[in-house]
Amino acid sequence: MNGKKITCLLVDDEPPALEVLKKYIHSFQNLELAGTCADAIEALNFLQQHPVDLMFLDIQMPQLLGTDLIRAIKKPPKVIFTTAFRKFAIEGFELDAVDYLLKPISFERFLKAVNKVMNTTMEHVPENDHLIAEQHNRQTDHFINLRADRKNLKVALADILYIESLKDYIKVVTTEKTIITKQSISSIEEILPRDQFIRIHRSFIISISKIVSFTQEVIEIGKQELPISRMYRLDVKKALHGE
């Protein structure tokens, strides 16, 4: 895996499951979708012609189980099993799977699985050639990638004022524009540098450097006043007072 992107193959006989994973993959700059297959036989033929780095593989499929597919490949790619059945978990890990995702798969759980792949990759590549999803490269990247209007938008961390939760969506307010994307505020919180951003409310994450003023209950960001909830008040106090 020494290229710029990690190529991925999705194998699942359920079209809705494929669509969910395709959407998740598109939210990572360093993941590239190489193809999709409806069963293990099709995947076996695909891999013979198009080697990939990572395979998201359903287990319970017609004709050939996903676990049997892995046994049939001499040098299989890294595998993240996806299934609705817990009973396959032990067998999956015995085949050296990176992770085992139970359906329905949340973005947060997908994020953790991909992070494991990135961490494994980091152990085998030079320091300056890490294949890390943009959302996880907190140490060296200064931007995040957001999916909106059918495009991937590169957003500089330094431009973000605050992020607001809108149920299944988030509103990212920057110095120049406002971006609305389908993602939970908890998942975006996981990928933001903790020394630059802080959660002040169930519905708000703010950039510490963009604070104009603050009290025990309110923080002023630009021309906007945002509430500090009791749940996060102590954490906010520690961050802002350097405690």
C-alpha atoms as a PDB file:
ATOM      1  CA  MET A   1       0.000   0.000   0.000  1.00  0.00           C
ATOM      2  CA  ASN A   2       2.487   2.601  -1.072  1.00  0.00           C
ATOM      3  CA  GLY A   3       0.164   4.606  -3.338  1.00  0.00           C
ATOM      4  CA  LYS A   4      -1.610   7.803  -2.528  1.00  0.00           C
ATOM      5  CA  LYS A   5      -4.926   6.077  -1.917  1.00  0.00           C
ATOM      6  CA  ILE A   6      -6.159   2.837  -0.424  1.00  0.00           C
ATOM      7  CA  THR A   7      -8.239   1.013  -3.023  1.00  0.00           C
ATOM      8  CA  CYS A   8     -11.377  -0.664  -1.697  1.00  0.00           C
ATOM      9  CA  LEU A   9     -13.694  -3.394  -2.946  1.00  0.00           C
ATOM     10  CA  LEU A  10     -17.227  -3.758  -1.563  1.00  0.00           C
ATOM     11  CA  VAL A  11     -18.762  -7.237  -1.611  1.00  0.00           C
ATOM     12  CA  ASP A  12     -22.375  -7.650  -0.514  1.00  0.00           C
ATOM     13  CA  ASP A  13     -25.497  -9.191  -2.009  1.00  0.00           C
ATOM     14  CA  GLU A  14     -27.681  -6.450  -0.497  1.00  0.00           C
ATOM     15  CA  PRO A  15     -27.757  -3.247  -2.615  1.00  0.00           C
ATOM     16  CA  PRO A  16     -28.774  -0.996   0.333  1.00  0.00           C
ATOM     17  CA  ALA A  17     -25.731  -2.181   2.299  1.00  0.00           C
ATOM     18  CA  LEU A  18     -23.484  -1.401  -0.662  1.00  0.00           C
ATOM     19  CA  GLU A  19     -24.921   2.108  -0.950  1.00  0.00           C
ATOM     20  CA  VAL A  20     -24.230   2.839   2.731  1.00  0.00           C
ATOM     21  CA  LEU A  21     -20.604   1.743   2.446  1.00  0.00           C
ATOM     22  CA  LYS A  22     -20.122   3.641  -0.827  1.00  0.00           C
ATOM     23  CA  LYS A  23     -21.328   6.817   0.868  1.00  0.00           C
ATOM     24  CA  TYR A  24     -18.983   6.296   3.806  1.00  0.00           C
ATOM     25  CA  ILE A  25     -15.984   5.644   1.569  1.00  0.00           C
ATOM     26  CA  HIS A  26     -16.619   8.820  -0.409  1.00  0.00           C
ATOM     27  CA  SER A  27     -16.205  10.857   2.775  1.00  0.00           C
ATOM     28  CA  PHE A  28     -12.510   9.882   2.990  1.00  0.00           C
ATOM     29  CA  GLN A  29      -9.938  11.515   0.766  1.00  0.00           C
ATOM     30  CA  ASN A  30      -7.525   8.576   0.915  1.00  0.00           C
ATOM     31  CA  LEU A  31     -10.031   5.793   0.273  1.00  0.00           C
ATOM     32  CA  GLU A  32     -10.794   4.985  -3.350  1.00  0.00           C
ATOM     33  CA  LEU A  33     -13.666   2.735  -4.419  1.00  0.00           C
ATOM     34  CA  ALA A  34     -12.296   0.237  -6.966  1.00  0.00           C
ATOM     35  CA  GLY A  35     -15.542  -1.644  -7.454  1.00  0.00           C
ATOM     36  CA  THR A  36     -18.566  -3.432  -6.003  1.00  0.00           C
ATOM     37  CA  CYS A  37     -19.546  -7.096  -6.259  1.00  0.00           C
ATOM     38  CA  ALA A  38     -22.836  -8.810  -5.481  1.00  0.00           C
ATOM     39  CA  ASP A  39     -21.334 -12.126  -4.363  1.00  0.00           C
ATOM     40  CA  ALA A  40     -18.071 -13.872  -3.497  1.00  0.00           C
ATOM     41  CA  ILE A  41     -17.649 -15.526  -6.911  1.00  0.00           C
ATOM     42  CA  GLU A  42     -17.865 -12.164  -8.646  1.00  0.00           C
ATOM     43  CA  ALA A  43     -15.387 -10.760  -6.119  1.00  0.00           C
ATOM     44  CA  LEU A  44     -12.945 -13.612  -6.770  1.00  0.00           C
ATOM     45  CA  ASN A  45     -13.008 -12.881 -10.511  1.00  0.00           C
ATOM     46  CA  PHE A  46     -12.644  -9.146  -9.868  1.00  0.00           C
ATOM     47  CA  LEU A  47      -9.611  -9.609  -7.627  1.00  0.00           C
ATOM     48  CA  GLN A  48      -7.846 -11.720 -10.227  1.00  0.00           C
ATOM     49  CA  GLN A  49      -7.934  -8.755 -12.591  1.00  0.00           C
ATOM     50  CA  HIS A  50      -7.936  -5.831 -10.154  1.00  0.00           C
ATOM     51  CA  PRO A  51      -5.960  -6.297  -6.909  1.00  0.00           C
ATOM     52  CA  VAL A  52      -7.120  -4.007  -4.100  1.00  0.00           C
ATOM     53  CA  ASP A  53      -5.761  -2.944  -0.717  1.00  0.00           C
ATOM     54  CA  LEU A  54      -8.903  -3.347   1.375  1.00  0.00           C
ATOM     55  CA  MET A  55     -12.092  -5.377   1.043  1.00  0.00           C
ATOM     56  CA  PHE A  56     -15.357  -4.790   2.891  1.00  0.00           C
ATOM     57  CA  LEU A  57     -16.775  -8.289   2.767  1.00  0.00           C
ATOM     58  CA  ASP A  58     -20.199  -9.616   3.712  1.00  0.00           C
ATOM     59  CA  ILE A  59     -20.104 -13.143   5.115  1.00  0.00           C
ATOM     60  CA  GLN A  60     -23.553 -14.632   4.562  1.00  0.00           C
ATOM     61  CA  MET A  61     -23.899 -14.695   0.762  1.00  0.00           C
ATOM     62  CA  PRO A  62     -25.272 -17.213  -1.766  1.00  0.00           C
ATOM     63  CA  GLN A  63     -22.968 -19.842  -3.343  1.00  0.00           C
ATOM     64  CA  LEU A  64     -19.862 -18.966  -1.320  1.00  0.00           C
ATOM     65  CA  LEU A  65     -19.448 -17.468   2.136  1.00  0.00           C
ATOM     66  CA  GLY A  66     -17.213 -14.445   2.551  1.00  0.00           C
ATOM     67  CA  THR A  67     -15.016 -16.415   4.962  1.00  0.00           C
ATOM     68  CA  ASP A  68     -14.591 -19.171   2.366  1.00  0.00           C
ATOM     69  CA  LEU A  69     -13.608 -16.542  -0.199  1.00  0.00           C
ATOM     70  CA  ILE A  70     -10.730 -15.407   2.016  1.00  0.00           C
ATOM     71  CA  ARG A  71      -9.547 -19.005   2.389  1.00  0.00           C
ATOM     72  CA  ALA A  72      -9.591 -19.384  -1.408  1.00  0.00           C
ATOM     73  CA  ILE A  73      -7.251 -16.427  -1.999  1.00  0.00           C
ATOM     74  CA  LYS A  74      -3.526 -17.030  -1.536  1.00  0.00           C
ATOM     75  CA  LYS A  75      -2.711 -13.424  -0.664  1.00  0.00           C
ATOM     76  CA  PRO A  76      -5.978 -11.718   0.259  1.00  0.00           C
ATOM     77  CA  PRO A  77      -6.184  -7.963   0.789  1.00  0.00           C
ATOM     78  CA  LYS A  78      -6.895  -6.539   4.207  1.00  0.00           C
ATOM     79  CA  VAL A  79     -10.470  -7.427   5.137  1.00  0.00           C
ATOM     80  CA  ILE A  80     -13.206  -5.789   7.166  1.00  0.00           C
ATOM     81  CA  PHE A  81     -16.103  -8.216   7.488  1.00  0.00           C
ATOM     82  CA  THR A  82     -19.641  -6.821   7.372  1.00  0.00           C
ATOM     83  CA  THR A  83     -22.534  -8.980   8.506  1.00  0.00           C
ATOM     84  CA  ALA A  84     -25.797  -9.039  10.379  1.00  0.00           C
ATOM     85  CA  PHE A  85     -24.789 -12.138  12.346  1.00  0.00           C
ATOM     86  CA  ARG A  86     -22.611 -12.118  15.474  1.00  0.00           C
ATOM     87  CA  LYS A  87     -21.995 -15.871  15.220  1.00  0.00           C
ATOM     88  CA  PHE A  88     -19.355 -15.326  12.521  1.00  0.00           C
ATOM     89  CA  ALA A  89     -17.225 -12.979  14.628  1.00  0.00           C
ATOM     90  CA  ILE A  90     -14.750 -15.556  15.980  1.00  0.00           C
ATOM     91  CA  GLU A  91     -14.225 -17.144  12.574  1.00  0.00           C
ATOM     92  CA  GLY A  92     -13.740 -13.709  11.052  1.00  0.00           C
ATOM     93  CA  PHE A  93     -10.978 -12.749  13.448  1.00  0.00           C
ATOM     94  CA  GLU A  94      -9.311 -16.146  13.044  1.00  0.00           C
ATOM     95  CA  LEU A  95      -8.853 -15.148   9.395  1.00  0.00           C
ATOM     96  CA  ASP A  96      -6.913 -12.064  10.509  1.00  0.00           C
ATOM     97  CA  ALA A  97      -9.684  -9.619   9.647  1.00  0.00           C
ATOM     98  CA  VAL A  98      -8.912  -6.002  10.515  1.00  0.00           C
ATOM     99  CA  ASP A  99     -12.376  -5.598  11.988  1.00  0.00           C
ATOM    100  CA  TYR A 100     -15.874  -7.037  12.099  1.00  0.00           C
ATOM    101  CA  LEU A 101     -18.830  -4.686  11.539  1.00  0.00           C
ATOM    102  CA  LEU A 102     -22.371  -5.605  12.470  1.00  0.00           C
ATOM    103  CA  LYS A 103     -25.190  -4.272  10.303  1.00  0.00           C
ATOM    104  CA  PRO A 104     -26.684  -1.719  10.300  1.00  0.00           C
ATOM    105  CA  ILE A 105     -23.251  -0.066  10.204  1.00  0.00           C
ATOM    106  CA  SER A 106     -23.004   3.419  11.687  1.00  0.00           C
ATOM    107  CA  PHE A 107     -20.542   5.980  10.370  1.00  0.00           C
ATOM    108  CA  GLU A 108     -18.852   6.129  13.781  1.00  0.00           C
ATOM    109  CA  ARG A 109     -18.221   2.368  13.762  1.00  0.00           C
ATOM    110  CA  PHE A 110     -17.023   2.509  10.151  1.00  0.00           C
ATOM    111  CA  LEU A 111     -14.656   5.303  11.158  1.00  0.00           C
ATOM    112  CA  LYS A 112     -13.078   3.161  13.876  1.00  0.00           C
ATOM    113  CA  ALA A 113     -12.599   0.230  11.511  1.00  0.00           C
ATOM    114  CA  VAL A 114     -10.916   2.376   8.869  1.00  0.00           C
ATOM    115  CA  ASN A 115      -8.711   3.895  11.545  1.00  0.00           C
ATOM    116  CA  LYS A 116      -7.431   0.407  12.348  1.00  0.00           C
ATOM    117  CA  VAL A 117      -6.456  -0.029   8.714  1.00  0.00           C
ATOM    118  CA  MET A 118      -4.644   3.300   8.742  1.00  0.00           C
ATOM    119  CA  ASN A 119      -2.783   2.425  11.937  1.00  0.00           C
ATOM    120  CA  THR A 120      -1.720  -0.931  10.482  1.00  0.00           C
ATOM    121  CA  THR A 121      -0.556   0.783   7.304  1.00  0.00           C
ATOM    122  CA  MET A 122       1.479   3.305   9.298  1.00  0.00           C
ATOM    123  CA  GLU A 123       3.585   0.469  10.735  1.00  0.00           C
ATOM    124  CA  HIS A 124       4.829  -0.518   7.270  1.00  0.00           C
ATOM    125  CA  VAL A 125       5.448   2.724   5.388  1.00  0.00           C
ATOM    126  CA  PRO A 126       7.976   5.545   5.741  1.00  0.00           C
ATOM    127  CA  GLU A 127       7.089   8.346   8.144  1.00  0.00           C
ATOM    128  CA  ASN A 128       6.412  10.835   5.340  1.00  0.00           C
ATOM    129  CA  ASP A 129       4.300   8.449   3.251  1.00  0.00           C
ATOM    130  CA  HIS A 130       1.447   7.555   5.609  1.00  0.00           C
ATOM    131  CA  LEU A 131      -1.778   6.551   3.932  1.00  0.00           C
ATOM    132  CA  ILE A 132      -4.099   8.108   6.464  1.00  0.00           C
ATOM    133  CA  ALA A 133      -7.677   9.129   5.764  1.00  0.00           C
ATOM    134  CA  GLU A 134      -7.834  12.892   5.813  1.00  0.00           C
ATOM    135  CA  GLN A 135     -10.189  12.782   8.771  1.00  0.00           C
ATOM    136  CA  HIS A 136      -7.637  10.915  10.875  1.00  0.00           C
ATOM    137  CA  ASN A 137      -4.429  12.708  10.039  1.00  0.00           C
ATOM    138  CA  ARG A 138      -4.714  15.136  12.948  1.00  0.00           C
ATOM    139  CA  GLN A 139      -0.985  15.619  13.364  1.00  0.00           C
ATOM    140  CA  THR A 140       0.007  16.817   9.894  1.00  0.00           C
ATOM    141  CA  ASP A 141      -3.132  17.805   7.973  1.00  0.00           C
ATOM    142  CA  HIS A 142      -4.650  21.238   8.505  1.00  0.00           C
ATOM    143  CA  PHE A 143      -7.967  20.590   6.819  1.00  0.00           C
ATOM    144  CA  ILE A 144     -10.901  18.206   6.784  1.00  0.00           C
ATOM    145  CA  ASN A 145     -12.865  16.814   3.869  1.00  0.00           C
ATOM    146  CA  LEU A 146     -16.635  17.317   3.858  1.00  0.00           C
ATOM    147  CA  ARG A 147     -19.145  15.845   1.433  1.00  0.00           C
ATOM    148  CA  ALA A 148     -21.711  18.402   0.254  1.00  0.00           C
ATOM    149  CA  ASP A 149     -23.531  19.142  -3.000  1.00  0.00           C
ATOM    150  CA  ARG A 150     -22.150  15.915  -4.500  1.00  0.00           C
ATOM    151  CA  LYS A 151     -18.613  17.206  -4.065  1.00  0.00           C
ATOM    152  CA  ASN A 152     -15.759  16.716  -1.613  1.00  0.00           C
ATOM    153  CA  LEU A 153     -14.992  20.088  -0.053  1.00  0.00           C
ATOM    154  CA  LYS A 154     -11.577  20.765   1.445  1.00  0.00           C
ATOM    155  CA  VAL A 155     -12.108  22.924   4.531  1.00  0.00           C
ATOM    156  CA  ALA A 156      -9.167  24.442   6.402  1.00  0.00           C
ATOM    157  CA  LEU A 157      -9.370  23.939  10.165  1.00  0.00           C
ATOM    158  CA  ALA A 158      -8.167  27.514  10.635  1.00  0.00           C
ATOM    159  CA  ASP A 159     -11.265  28.800   8.795  1.00  0.00           C
ATOM    160  CA  ILE A 160     -13.852  27.003  10.945  1.00  0.00           C
ATOM    161  CA  LEU A 161     -15.737  29.149  13.465  1.00  0.00           C
ATOM    162  CA  TYR A 162     -18.138  26.564  14.859  1.00  0.00           C
ATOM    163  CA  ILE A 163     -20.126  23.445  14.019  1.00  0.00           C
ATOM    164  CA  GLU A 164     -23.795  23.026  14.802  1.00  0.00           C
ATOM    165  CA  SER A 165     -25.773  19.784  14.939  1.00  0.00           C
ATOM    166  CA  LEU A 166     -28.926  19.577  12.818  1.00  0.00           C
ATOM    167  CA  LYS A 167     -30.159  16.099  13.734  1.00  0.00           C
ATOM    168  CA  ASP A 168     -28.642  13.825  11.061  1.00  0.00           C
ATOM    169  CA  TYR A 169     -26.721  16.745   9.556  1.00  0.00           C
ATOM    170  CA  ILE A 170     -24.155  19.267  10.718  1.00  0.00           C
ATOM    171  CA  LYS A 171     -23.694  22.906   9.793  1.00  0.00           C
ATOM    172  CA  VAL A 172     -20.050  23.931   9.514  1.00  0.00           C
ATOM    173  CA  VAL A 173     -19.712  27.712   9.743  1.00  0.00           C
ATOM    174  CA  THR A 174     -16.434  29.098   8.427  1.00  0.00           C
ATOM    175  CA  THR A 175     -15.076  32.596   7.968  1.00  0.00           C
ATOM    176  CA  GLU A 176     -16.208  32.516   4.338  1.00  0.00           C
ATOM    177  CA  LYS A 177     -19.196  30.207   4.028  1.00  0.00           C
ATOM    178  CA  THR A 178     -21.584  27.742   5.653  1.00  0.00           C
ATOM    179  CA  ILE A 179     -21.522  24.054   4.705  1.00  0.00           C
ATOM    180  CA  ILE A 180     -24.285  21.578   5.507  1.00  0.00           C
ATOM    181  CA  THR A 181     -23.412  17.901   5.269  1.00  0.00           C
ATOM    182  CA  LYS A 182     -24.968  14.629   6.389  1.00  0.00           C
ATOM    183  CA  GLN A 183     -22.849  13.598   9.353  1.00  0.00           C
ATOM    184  CA  SER A 184     -23.307  13.455  13.117  1.00  0.00           C
ATOM    185  CA  ILE A 185     -21.684  16.009  15.377  1.00  0.00           C
ATOM    186  CA  SER A 186     -20.140  13.172  17.397  1.00  0.00           C
ATOM    187  CA  SER A 187     -18.338  11.771  14.349  1.00  0.00           C
ATOM    188  CA  ILE A 188     -16.917  15.173  13.393  1.00  0.00           C
ATOM    189  CA  GLU A 189     -15.856  15.697  17.010  1.00  0.00           C
ATOM    190  CA  GLU A 190     -13.781  12.503  16.817  1.00  0.00           C
ATOM    191  CA  ILE A 191     -11.682  13.796  13.932  1.00  0.00           C
ATOM    192  CA  LEU A 192     -11.073  17.362  15.106  1.00  0.00           C
ATOM    193  CA  PRO A 193      -7.862  18.197  17.021  1.00  0.00           C
ATOM    194  CA  ARG A 194      -8.773  18.485  20.684  1.00  0.00           C
ATOM    195  CA  ASP A 195      -6.293  21.283  21.245  1.00  0.00           C
ATOM    196  CA  GLN A 196      -8.075  23.420  18.643  1.00  0.00           C
ATOM    197  CA  PHE A 197     -11.764  22.579  19.066  1.00  0.00           C
ATOM    198  CA  ILE A 198     -14.029  21.951  22.024  1.00  0.00           C
ATOM    199  CA  ARG A 199     -17.593  20.705  22.482  1.00  0.00           C
ATOM    200  CA  ILE A 200     -19.590  23.259  24.467  1.00  0.00           C
ATOM    201  CA  HIS A 201     -23.089  21.858  24.012  1.00  0.00           C
ATOM    202  CA  ARG A 202     -24.833  18.800  22.574  1.00  0.00           C
ATOM    203  CA  SER A 203     -25.384  20.899  19.467  1.00  0.00           C
ATOM    204  CA  PHE A 204     -22.179  22.951  19.228  1.00  0.00           C
ATOM    205  CA  ILE A 205     -18.423  22.526  18.724  1.00  0.00           C
ATOM    206  CA  ILE A 206     -16.364  25.699  18.554  1.00  0.00           C
ATOM    207  CA  SER A 207     -12.881  26.713  17.444  1.00  0.00           C
ATOM    208  CA  ILE A 208     -10.962  27.844  20.518  1.00  0.00           C
ATOM    209  CA  SER A 209      -8.896  30.359  18.552  1.00  0.00           C
ATOM    210  CA  LYS A 210     -12.040  32.064  17.230  1.00  0.00           C
ATOM    211  CA  ILE A 211     -13.480  32.923  20.667  1.00  0.00           C
ATOM    212  CA  VAL A 212     -14.120  36.655  21.040  1.00  0.00           C
ATOM    213  CA  SER A 213     -15.400  36.543  24.626  1.00  0.00           C
ATOM    214  CA  PHE A 214     -16.994  34.121  27.057  1.00  0.00           C
ATOM    215  CA  THR A 215     -18.900  33.869  30.307  1.00  0.00           C
ATOM    216  CA  GLN A 216     -19.902  30.845  32.341  1.00  0.00           C
ATOM    217  CA  GLU A 217     -22.953  30.311  30.117  1.00  0.00           C
ATOM    218  CA  VAL A 218     -22.184  31.862  26.717  1.00  0.00           C
ATOM    219  CA  ILE A 219     -19.331  31.965  24.210  1.00  0.00           C
ATOM    220  CA  GLU A 220     -19.105  34.624  21.530  1.00  0.00           C
ATOM    221  CA  ILE A 221     -17.746  33.417  18.170  1.00  0.00           C
ATOM    222  CA  GLY A 222     -17.574  36.149  15.557  1.00  0.00           C
ATOM    223  CA  LYS A 223     -20.935  37.852  15.857  1.00  0.00           C
ATOM    224  CA  GLN A 224     -22.683  34.737  17.158  1.00  0.00           C
ATOM    225  CA  GLU A 225     -23.378  33.867  20.804  1.00  0.00           C
ATOM    226  CA  LEU A 226     -23.496  30.150  21.550  1.00  0.00           C
ATOM    227  CA  PRO A 227     -24.676  28.496  24.771  1.00  0.00           C
ATOM    228  CA  ILE A 228     -22.468  26.449  27.097  1.00  0.00           C
ATOM    229  CA  SER A 229     -24.492  23.588  28.552  1.00  0.00           C
ATOM    230  CA  ARG A 230     -24.025  22.336  32.108  1.00  0.00           C
ATOM    231  CA  MET A 231     -22.789  18.988  30.796  1.00  0.00           C
ATOM    232  CA  TYR A 232     -19.762  20.600  29.132  1.00  0.00           C
ATOM    233  CA  ARG A 233     -19.216  23.566  31.440  1.00  0.00           C
ATOM    234  CA  LEU A 234     -16.349  22.020  33.426  1.00  0.00           C
ATOM    235  CA  ASP A 235     -14.486  20.890  30.284  1.00  0.00           C
ATOM    236  CA  VAL A 236     -14.898  24.333  28.746  1.00  0.00           C
ATOM    237  CA  LYS A 237     -13.619  26.002  31.906  1.00  0.00           C
ATOM    238  CA  LYS A 238     -10.521  23.804  31.968  1.00  0.00           C
ATOM    239  CA  ALA A 239      -9.785  24.436  28.289  1.00  0.00           C
ATOM    240  CA  LEU A 240     -10.277  28.184  28.386  1.00  0.00           C
ATOM    241  CA  HIS A 241      -8.496  28.764  31.687  1.00  0.00           C
ATOM    242  CA  GLY A 242      -5.681  26.326  30.957  1.00  0.00           C
ATOM    243  CA  GLU A 243      -6.512  24.160  33.946  1.00  0.00           C
END
